[in-house]
PDB file of N, CA and C in Angstrom:
ATOM      1  N   MET A   1       7.078  -7.781 -19.002  1.00  0.00           N
ATOM      2  CA  MET A   1       6.829  -8.692 -17.550  1.00  0.00           C
ATOM      3  C   MET A   1       6.406  -7.631 -16.531  1.00  0.00           C
ATOM      4  N   ASN A   2       5.777  -8.180 -15.867  1.00  0.00           N
ATOM      5  CA  ASN A   2       5.398  -7.107 -14.607  1.00  0.00           C
ATOM      6  C   ASN A   2       6.853  -7.170 -13.897  1.00  0.00           C
ATOM      7  N   ARG A   3       6.772  -5.753 -13.054  1.00  0.00           N
ATOM      8  CA  ARG A   3       8.139  -5.195 -12.478  1.00  0.00           C
ATOM      9  C   ARG A   3       7.936  -5.988 -11.080  1.00  0.00           C
ATOM     10  N   TYR A   4       7.171  -6.502 -10.650  1.00  0.00           N
ATOM     11  CA  TYR A   4       7.183  -7.402  -9.372  1.00  0.00           C
ATOM     12  C   TYR A   4       7.138  -8.961  -9.317  1.00  0.00           C
ATOM     13  N   ALA A   5       7.049  -9.345 -10.845  1.00  0.00           N
ATOM     14  CA  ALA A   5       7.009 -11.097 -10.815  1.00  0.00           C
ATOM     15  C   ALA A   5       8.218 -11.430 -10.436  1.00  0.00           C
ATOM     16  N   LYS A   6       9.327 -11.063 -10.660  1.00  0.00           N
ATOM     17  CA  LYS A   6      10.503 -12.094 -10.038  1.00  0.00           C
ATOM     18  C   LYS A   6      10.960 -11.831  -8.549  1.00  0.00           C
ATOM     19  N   ALA A   7      10.283 -10.502  -8.138  1.00  0.00           N
ATOM     20  CA  ALA A   7      10.227 -10.619  -6.476  1.00  0.00           C
ATOM     21  C   ALA A   7       9.367 -11.867  -5.938  1.00  0.00           C
ATOM     22  N   VAL A   8       8.081 -11.490  -6.515  1.00  0.00           N
ATOM     23  CA  VAL A   8       7.067 -12.539  -6.146  1.00  0.00           C
ATOM     24  C   VAL A   8       7.508 -14.126  -6.149  1.00  0.00           C
ATOM     25  N   VAL A   9       8.083 -14.221  -7.400  1.00  0.00           N
ATOM     26  CA  VAL A   9       8.516 -15.833  -7.583  1.00  0.00           C
ATOM     27  C   VAL A   9       9.747 -16.096  -6.543  1.00  0.00           C
ATOM     28  N   GLY A  10      10.454 -15.026  -6.485  1.00  0.00           N
ATOM     29  CA  GLY A  10      11.639 -15.289  -5.419  1.00  0.00           C
ATOM     30  C   GLY A  10      11.111 -15.720  -3.885  1.00  0.00           C
ATOM     31  N   ALA A  11      10.123 -15.087  -3.679  1.00  0.00           N
ATOM     32  CA  ALA A  11       9.767 -14.897  -2.290  1.00  0.00           C
ATOM     33  C   ALA A  11       8.950 -16.380  -2.270  1.00  0.00           C
ATOM     34  N   LEU A  12       8.077 -16.871  -3.073  1.00  0.00           N
ATOM     35  CA  LEU A  12       7.482 -17.828  -3.180  1.00  0.00           C
ATOM     36  C   LEU A  12       8.368 -19.372  -3.324  1.00  0.00           C
ATOM     37  N   VAL A  13       9.594 -18.992  -3.994  1.00  0.00           N
ATOM     38  CA  VAL A  13      10.386 -20.212  -3.827  1.00  0.00           C
ATOM     39  C   VAL A  13      11.095 -20.508  -2.622  1.00  0.00           C
ATOM     40  N   ALA A  14      11.466 -19.137  -2.070  1.00  0.00           N
ATOM     41  CA  ALA A  14      11.932 -19.185  -0.615  1.00  0.00           C
ATOM     42  C   ALA A  14      11.219 -19.827   0.602  1.00  0.00           C
ATOM     43  N   GLY A  15       9.818 -19.584   0.210  1.00  0.00           N
ATOM     44  CA  GLY A  15       8.917 -19.680   1.109  1.00  0.00           C
ATOM     45  C   GLY A  15       8.809 -21.506   1.130  1.00  0.00           C
ATOM     46  N   LEU A  16       8.570 -21.633  -0.071  1.00  0.00           N
ATOM     47  CA  LEU A  16       8.014 -23.141  -0.356  1.00  0.00           C
ATOM     48  C   LEU A  16       9.259 -24.160   0.088  1.00  0.00           C
ATOM     49  N   GLY A  17      10.617 -23.592  -0.368  1.00  0.00           N
ATOM     50  CA  GLY A  17      11.767 -24.423   0.273  1.00  0.00           C
ATOM     51  C   GLY A  17      11.589 -24.361   1.992  1.00  0.00           C
ATOM     52  N   ALA A  18      11.245 -23.353   2.169  1.00  0.00           N
ATOM     53  CA  ALA A  18      11.457 -23.586   3.976  1.00  0.00           C
ATOM     54  C   ALA A  18      10.369 -24.238   4.288  1.00  0.00           C
ATOM     55  N   LEU A  19       9.158 -24.204   3.897  1.00  0.00           N
ATOM     56  CA  LEU A  19       8.411 -24.939   4.238  1.00  0.00           C
ATOM     57  C   LEU A  19       8.257 -26.553   3.895  1.00  0.00           C
ATOM     58  N   GLN A  20       9.281 -26.550   3.248  1.00  0.00           N
ATOM     59  CA  GLN A  20       9.690 -28.104   2.812  1.00  0.00           C
ATOM     60  C   GLN A  20      10.568 -28.696   4.104  1.00  0.00           C
ATOM     61  N   VAL A  21      11.524 -27.811   4.184  1.00  0.00           N
ATOM     62  CA  VAL A  21      12.412 -28.216   5.640  1.00  0.00           C
ATOM     63  C   VAL A  21      11.423 -28.426   6.656  1.00  0.00           C
ATOM     64  N   ALA A  22      10.687 -27.118   7.041  1.00  0.00           N
ATOM     65  CA  ALA A  22       9.965 -27.247   8.518  1.00  0.00           C
ATOM     66  C   ALA A  22       9.111 -28.780   8.296  1.00  0.00           C
ATOM     67  N   GLN A  23       8.785 -29.207   7.079  1.00  0.00           N
ATOM     68  CA  GLN A  23       7.657 -30.314   7.462  1.00  0.00           C
ATOM     69  C   GLN A  23       8.575 -31.893   7.377  1.00  0.00           C
ATOM     70  N   ALA A  24       9.756 -31.663   7.798  1.00  0.00           N
ATOM     71  CA  ALA A  24      10.554 -32.920   7.740  1.00  0.00           C
ATOM     72  C   ALA A  24       9.972 -33.808   8.648  1.00  0.00           C
ATOM     73  N   ASP A  25       9.551 -33.339   9.615  1.00  0.00           N
ATOM     74  CA  ASP A  25       8.826 -34.289  10.675  1.00  0.00           C
ATOM     75  C   ASP A  25       7.435 -34.117  10.908  1.00  0.00           C
ATOM     76  N   ASN A  26       6.921 -34.108   9.552  1.00  0.00           N
ATOM     77  CA  ASN A  26       5.540 -33.778   9.554  1.00  0.00           C
ATOM     78  C   ASN A  26       4.701 -32.838  10.793  1.00  0.00           C
ATOM     79  N   HIS A  27       5.157 -31.972  10.710  1.00  0.00           N
ATOM     80  CA  HIS A  27       4.348 -31.067  11.662  1.00  0.00           C
ATOM     81  C   HIS A  27       5.827 -29.782  11.836  1.00  0.00           C
ATOM     82  N   VAL A  28       4.765 -28.484  11.889  1.00  0.00           N
ATOM     83  CA  VAL A  28       5.452 -27.142  11.653  1.00  0.00           C
ATOM     84  C   VAL A  28       5.111 -26.523  12.922  1.00  0.00           C
ATOM     85  N   THR A  29       5.947 -26.337  13.441  1.00  0.00           N
ATOM     86  CA  THR A  29       5.926 -25.497  14.884  1.00  0.00           C
ATOM     87  C   THR A  29       6.131 -23.958  14.448  1.00  0.00           C
ATOM     88  N   SER A  30       5.572 -23.341  15.608  1.00  0.00           N
ATOM     89  CA  SER A  30       5.484 -21.910  15.375  1.00  0.00           C
ATOM     90  C   SER A  30       6.633 -21.167  15.238  1.00  0.00           C
ATOM     91  N   ASN A  31       7.925 -21.397  15.502  1.00  0.00           N
ATOM     92  CA  ASN A  31       9.203 -21.067  15.422  1.00  0.00           C
ATOM     93  C   ASN A  31       9.487 -21.497  13.952  1.00  0.00           C
ATOM     94  N   GLU A  32       8.913 -22.599  13.408  1.00  0.00           N
ATOM     95  CA  GLU A  32       9.348 -23.046  12.161  1.00  0.00           C
ATOM     96  C   GLU A  32       8.391 -21.800  10.811  1.00  0.00           C
ATOM     97  N   TRP A  33       7.075 -21.579  11.909  1.00  0.00           N
ATOM     98  CA  TRP A  33       6.589 -20.816  10.308  1.00  0.00           C
ATOM     99  C   TRP A  33       7.143 -18.944  10.578  1.00  0.00           C
ATOM    100  N   VAL A  34       7.930 -19.142  11.654  1.00  0.00           N
ATOM    101  CA  VAL A  34       8.680 -17.655  11.862  1.00  0.00           C
ATOM    102  C   VAL A  34       9.622 -17.689  10.829  1.00  0.00           C
ATOM    103  N   GLN A  35      10.292 -18.807  10.700  1.00  0.00           N
ATOM    104  CA  GLN A  35      11.568 -18.791   9.802  1.00  0.00           C
ATOM    105  C   GLN A  35      11.271 -18.956   8.429  1.00  0.00           C
ATOM    106  N   ILE A  36       9.960 -19.359   8.088  1.00  0.00           N
ATOM    107  CA  ILE A  36       9.450 -19.341   6.879  1.00  0.00           C
ATOM    108  C   ILE A  36       8.962 -17.850   6.264  1.00  0.00           C
ATOM    109  N   ALA A  37       8.536 -17.410   7.362  1.00  0.00           N
ATOM    110  CA  ALA A  37       7.890 -15.916   6.827  1.00  0.00           C
ATOM    111  C   ALA A  37       9.196 -15.080   6.829  1.00  0.00           C
ATOM    112  N   SER A  38      10.239 -15.376   7.619  1.00  0.00           N
ATOM    113  CA  SER A  38      11.799 -14.612   7.488  1.00  0.00           C
ATOM    114  C   SER A  38      12.140 -14.388   6.197  1.00  0.00           C
ATOM    115  N   ALA A  39      11.987 -15.942   5.595  1.00  0.00           N
ATOM    116  CA  ALA A  39      12.395 -16.259   4.314  1.00  0.00           C
ATOM    117  C   ALA A  39      11.723 -15.435   3.277  1.00  0.00           C
ATOM    118  N   VAL A  40      10.594 -15.578   3.390  1.00  0.00           N
ATOM    119  CA  VAL A  40       9.699 -14.977   2.275  1.00  0.00           C
ATOM    120  C   VAL A  40       9.822 -13.546   2.296  1.00  0.00           C
ATOM    121  N   VAL A  41      10.144 -12.634   3.576  1.00  0.00           N
ATOM    122  CA  VAL A  41      10.360 -11.538   3.536  1.00  0.00           C
ATOM    123  C   VAL A  41      11.616 -11.197   3.030  1.00  0.00           C
ATOM    124  N   ALA A  42      12.415 -11.820   3.303  1.00  0.00           N
ATOM    125  CA  ALA A  42      13.933 -11.655   2.853  1.00  0.00           C
ATOM    126  C   ALA A  42      14.109 -11.796   1.640  1.00  0.00           C
ATOM    127  N   ALA A  43      13.613 -12.975   0.796  1.00  0.00           N
ATOM    128  CA  ALA A  43      13.753 -12.787  -0.378  1.00  0.00           C
ATOM    129  C   ALA A  43      13.022 -12.021  -1.211  1.00  0.00           C
ATOM    130  N   LEU A  44      11.645 -11.769  -0.798  1.00  0.00           N
ATOM    131  CA  LEU A  44      11.084 -10.507  -1.502  1.00  0.00           C
ATOM    132  C   LEU A  44      11.715  -9.483  -1.161  1.00  0.00           C
ATOM    133  N   GLY A  45      12.294  -8.627  -0.523  1.00  0.00           N
ATOM    134  CA  GLY A  45      12.834  -7.568  -0.374  1.00  0.00           C
ATOM    135  C   GLY A  45      14.405  -7.648  -0.831  1.00  0.00           C
ATOM    136  N   LEU A  46      15.127  -8.907  -0.969  1.00  0.00           N
ATOM    137  CA  LEU A  46      16.484  -8.551  -1.578  1.00  0.00           C
ATOM    138  C   LEU A  46      16.433  -8.894  -3.197  1.00  0.00           C
ATOM    139  N   VAL A  47      15.200  -9.536  -3.842  1.00  0.00           N
ATOM    140  CA  VAL A  47      15.302  -9.768  -5.189  1.00  0.00           C
ATOM    141  C   VAL A  47      14.487  -8.595  -5.596  1.00  0.00           C
ATOM    142  N   TRP A  48      13.825  -7.914  -5.129  1.00  0.00           N
ATOM    143  CA  TRP A  48      13.078  -6.648  -5.343  1.00  0.00           C
ATOM    144  C   TRP A  48      13.754  -5.478  -5.565  1.00  0.00           C
ATOM    145  N   GLY A  49      15.225  -5.326  -4.602  1.00  0.00           N
ATOM    146  CA  GLY A  49      15.725  -4.343  -4.230  1.00  0.00           C
ATOM    147  C   GLY A  49      17.006  -4.355  -5.482  1.00  0.00           C
ATOM    148  N   VAL A  50      17.579  -5.485  -5.781  1.00  0.00           N
ATOM    149  CA  VAL A  50      18.427  -5.790  -6.579  1.00  0.00           C
ATOM    150  C   VAL A  50      17.719  -5.239  -8.128  1.00  0.00           C
ATOM    151  N   GLN A  51      18.853  -4.038  -8.782  1.00  0.00           N
ATOM    152  CA  GLN A  51      18.298  -3.810 -10.172  1.00  0.00           C
ATOM    153  C   GLN A  51      18.376  -4.962 -11.296  1.00  0.00           C
ATOM    154  N   ASN A  52      17.825  -5.123 -12.191  1.00  0.00           N
ATOM    155  CA  ASN A  52      18.117  -5.805 -13.474  1.00  0.00           C
ATOM    156  C   ASN A  52      18.969  -5.410 -14.088  1.00  0.00           C
ATOM    157  N   ALA A  53      19.973  -6.051 -14.673  1.00  0.00           N
ATOM    158  CA  ALA A  53      21.358  -5.648 -15.564  1.00  0.00           C
ATOM    159  C   ALA A  53      20.621  -4.910 -16.582  1.00  0.00           C
ATOM    160  N   PRO A  54      21.054  -3.928 -17.160  1.00  0.00           N
ATOM    161  CA  PRO A  54      20.614  -3.294 -18.428  1.00  0.00           C
ATOM    162  C   PRO A  54      20.850  -4.177 -19.544  1.00  0.00           C
ATOM    163  N   ALA A  55      19.866  -3.571 -20.619  1.00  0.00           N
ATOM    164  CA  ALA A  55      19.623  -4.695 -21.461  1.00  0.00           C
ATOM    165  C   ALA A  55      20.873  -4.127 -22.669  1.00  0.00           C
ATOM    166  N   LYS A  56      20.919  -5.449 -23.103  1.00  0.00           N
ATOM    167  CA  LYS A  56      22.218  -5.461 -23.771  1.00  0.00           C
ATOM    168  C   LYS A  56      21.594  -5.037 -25.159  1.00  0.00           C
ATOM    169  N   VAL A  57      22.850  -4.204 -25.808  1.00  0.00           N
ATOM    170  CA  VAL A  57      22.549  -3.127 -27.276  1.00  0.00           C
ATOM    171  C   VAL A  57      23.188  -4.130 -28.159  1.00  0.00           C
ATOM    172  N   ALA A  58      22.690  -4.614 -29.188  1.00  0.00           N
ATOM    173  CA  ALA A  58      23.273  -4.610 -30.351  1.00  0.00           C
ATOM    174  C   ALA A  58      24.547  -3.882 -30.988  1.00  0.00           C
ATOM    175  N   ALA A  59      25.440  -4.288 -31.317  1.00  0.00           N
ATOM    176  CA  ALA A  59      26.824  -3.654 -31.979  1.00  0.00           C
ATOM    177  C   ALA A  59      25.841  -2.955 -33.063  1.00  0.00           C
ATOM    178  N   PRO A  60      26.798  -2.173 -33.631  1.00  0.00           N
ATOM    179  CA  PRO A  60      25.787  -1.564 -35.109  1.00  0.00           C
ATOM    180  C   PRO A  60      26.546  -2.336 -36.478  1.00  0.00           C
ATOM    181  N   VAL A  61      25.829  -2.748 -37.418  1.00  0.00           N
ATOM    182  CA  VAL A  61      26.364  -3.384 -38.588  1.00  0.00           C
ATOM    183  C   VAL A  61      26.998  -2.184 -39.443  1.00  0.00           C
ATOM    184  N   VAL A  62      28.281  -2.787 -39.820  1.00  0.00           N
ATOM    185  CA  VAL A  62      28.818  -1.685 -40.725  1.00  0.00           C
ATOM    186  C   VAL A  62      29.179  -2.457 -42.049  1.00  0.00           C
ATOM    187  N   HIS A  63      28.330  -1.923 -43.094  1.00  0.00           N
ATOM    188  CA  HIS A  63      28.501  -2.335 -44.359  1.00  0.00           C
ATOM    189  C   HIS A  63      29.913  -1.723 -45.500  1.00  0.00           C
ATOM    190  N   LEU A  64      30.704  -2.264 -45.824  1.00  0.00           N
ATOM    191  CA  LEU A  64      31.688  -2.021 -46.037  1.00  0.00           C
ATOM    192  C   LEU A  64      31.507  -2.203 -47.869  1.00  0.00           C
ATOM    193  N   SER A  65      31.851  -1.485 -48.693  1.00  0.00           N
ATOM    194  CA  SER A  65      32.220  -1.628 -50.289  1.00  0.00           C
ATOM    195  C   SER A  65      33.210  -2.418 -50.326  1.00  0.00           C
ATOM    196  N   ASP A  66      33.135  -3.098 -51.666  1.00  0.00           N
ATOM    197  CA  ASP A  66      34.508  -3.936 -52.189  1.00  0.00           C
ATOM    198  C   ASP A  66      35.544  -2.965 -52.249  1.00  0.00           C
ATOM    199  N   GLU A  67      35.456  -1.926 -52.612  1.00  0.00           N
ATOM    200  CA  GLU A  67      36.529  -0.821 -53.045  1.00  0.00           C
ATOM    201  C   GLU A  67      37.053  -0.206 -51.625  1.00  0.00           C
ATOM    202  N   ASP A  68      36.475  -0.580 -50.294  1.00  0.00           N
ATOM    203  CA  ASP A  68      37.198  -0.094 -48.878  1.00  0.00           C
ATOM    204  C   ASP A  68      38.303  -0.211 -48.724  1.00  0.00           C
ATOM    205  N   PRO A  69      39.429   0.215 -48.749  1.00  0.00           N
ATOM    206  CA  PRO A  69      40.860  -0.087 -48.357  1.00  0.00           C
ATOM    207  C   PRO A  69      40.847  -0.844 -46.978  1.00  0.00           C
ATOM    208  N   ASN A  70      39.739  -0.601 -45.891  1.00  0.00           N
ATOM    209  CA  ASN A  70      39.589  -1.263 -44.598  1.00  0.00           C
ATOM    210  C   ASN A  70      39.275  -2.868 -45.351  1.00  0.00           C
ATOM    211  N   LEU A  71      38.721  -3.104 -45.862  1.00  0.00           N
ATOM    212  CA  LEU A  71      37.766  -4.471 -46.052  1.00  0.00           C
ATOM    213  C   LEU A  71      38.889  -5.626 -45.846  1.00  0.00           C
ATOM    214  N   PRO A  72      40.196  -5.848 -45.844  1.00  0.00           N
ATOM    215  CA  PRO A  72      41.015  -6.879 -45.390  1.00  0.00           C
ATOM    216  C   PRO A  72      41.434  -6.878 -44.058  1.00  0.00           C
ATOM    217  N   VAL A  73      41.149  -5.918 -43.405  1.00  0.00           N
ATOM    218  CA  VAL A  73      41.294  -5.921 -42.105  1.00  0.00           C
ATOM    219  C   VAL A  73      40.030  -6.335 -41.264  1.00  0.00           C
ATOM    220  N   VAL A  74      39.391  -5.837 -41.952  1.00  0.00           N
ATOM    221  CA  VAL A  74      37.787  -5.998 -41.084  1.00  0.00           C
ATOM    222  C   VAL A  74      37.392  -7.421 -41.196  1.00  0.00           C
ATOM    223  N   ASN A  75      37.706  -8.108 -42.395  1.00  0.00           N
ATOM    224  CA  ASN A  75      37.510  -9.739 -42.922  1.00  0.00           C
ATOM    225  C   ASN A  75      38.340 -10.380 -41.747  1.00  0.00           C
ATOM    226  N   ALA A  76      39.923  -9.996 -41.503  1.00  0.00           N
ATOM    227  CA  ALA A  76      40.644 -10.699 -41.010  1.00  0.00           C
ATOM    228  C   ALA A  76      40.115 -10.592 -39.095  1.00  0.00           C
ATOM    229  N   LEU A  77      39.569  -9.603 -38.788  1.00  0.00           N
ATOM    230  CA  LEU A  77      39.079  -9.208 -37.412  1.00  0.00           C
ATOM    231  C   LEU A  77      37.987 -10.192 -37.340  1.00  0.00           C
ATOM    232  N   ALA A  78      37.444 -10.401 -38.432  1.00  0.00           N
ATOM    233  CA  ALA A  78      36.014 -10.674 -38.357  1.00  0.00           C
ATOM    234  C   ALA A  78      35.920 -12.450 -38.182  1.00  0.00           C
ATOM    235  N   HIS A  79      37.028 -12.625 -38.561  1.00  0.00           N
ATOM    236  CA  HIS A  79      37.272 -14.257 -38.258  1.00  0.00           C
ATOM    237  C   HIS A  79      38.052 -15.034 -37.231  1.00  0.00           C
ATOM    238  N   LEU A  80      38.382 -13.560 -36.572  1.00  0.00           N
ATOM    239  CA  LEU A  80      39.649 -14.312 -34.854  1.00  0.00           C
ATOM    240  C   LEU A  80      38.834 -15.225 -34.211  1.00  0.00           C
ATOM    241  N   ASP A  81      37.260 -15.253 -34.000  1.00  0.00           N
ATOM    242  CA  ASP A  81      36.873 -16.477 -33.212  1.00  0.00           C
ATOM    243  C   ASP A  81      36.485 -17.599 -33.552  1.00  0.00           C
ATOM    244  N   GLU A  82      37.196 -17.847 -34.696  1.00  0.00           N
ATOM    245  CA  GLU A  82      36.594 -19.143 -35.498  1.00  0.00           C
ATOM    246  C   GLU A  82      38.051 -20.192 -35.280  1.00  0.00           C
ATOM    247  N   PRO A  83      37.612 -21.307 -35.057  1.00  0.00           N
ATOM    248  CA  PRO A  83      38.499 -22.488 -34.607  1.00  0.00           C
ATOM    249  C   PRO A  83      40.131 -22.475 -35.602  1.00  0.00           C
ATOM    250  N   GLY A  84      41.228 -22.317 -34.970  1.00  0.00           N
ATOM    251  CA  GLY A  84      41.992 -22.384 -35.916  1.00  0.00           C
ATOM    252  C   GLY A  84      42.649 -20.819 -36.361  1.00  0.00           C
ATOM    253  N   ALA A  85      41.830 -19.730 -36.148  1.00  0.00           N
ATOM    254  CA  ALA A  85      42.452 -18.738 -36.573  1.00  0.00           C
ATOM    255  C   ALA A  85      43.553 -18.209 -35.599  1.00  0.00           C
TER     256      ALA A  85
END
């Protein structure tokens, strides 16, 4: 994904939201245009400035043989999140 897409979408949503509020009386004044521009610039800067969360890494899969002495413990731990466990 484009690295600026999130910021552009955030700025667009903020600007359109501010424009909708400004058009409540079917007229946009110069002060309202300043507020719309401020919303766009603030959203663009804030969304672009906040880093994305790091990607989650999947837990490694461990394959145990039937002879492994730890197998009953691993099986018990694997089922702790099931209802009634």
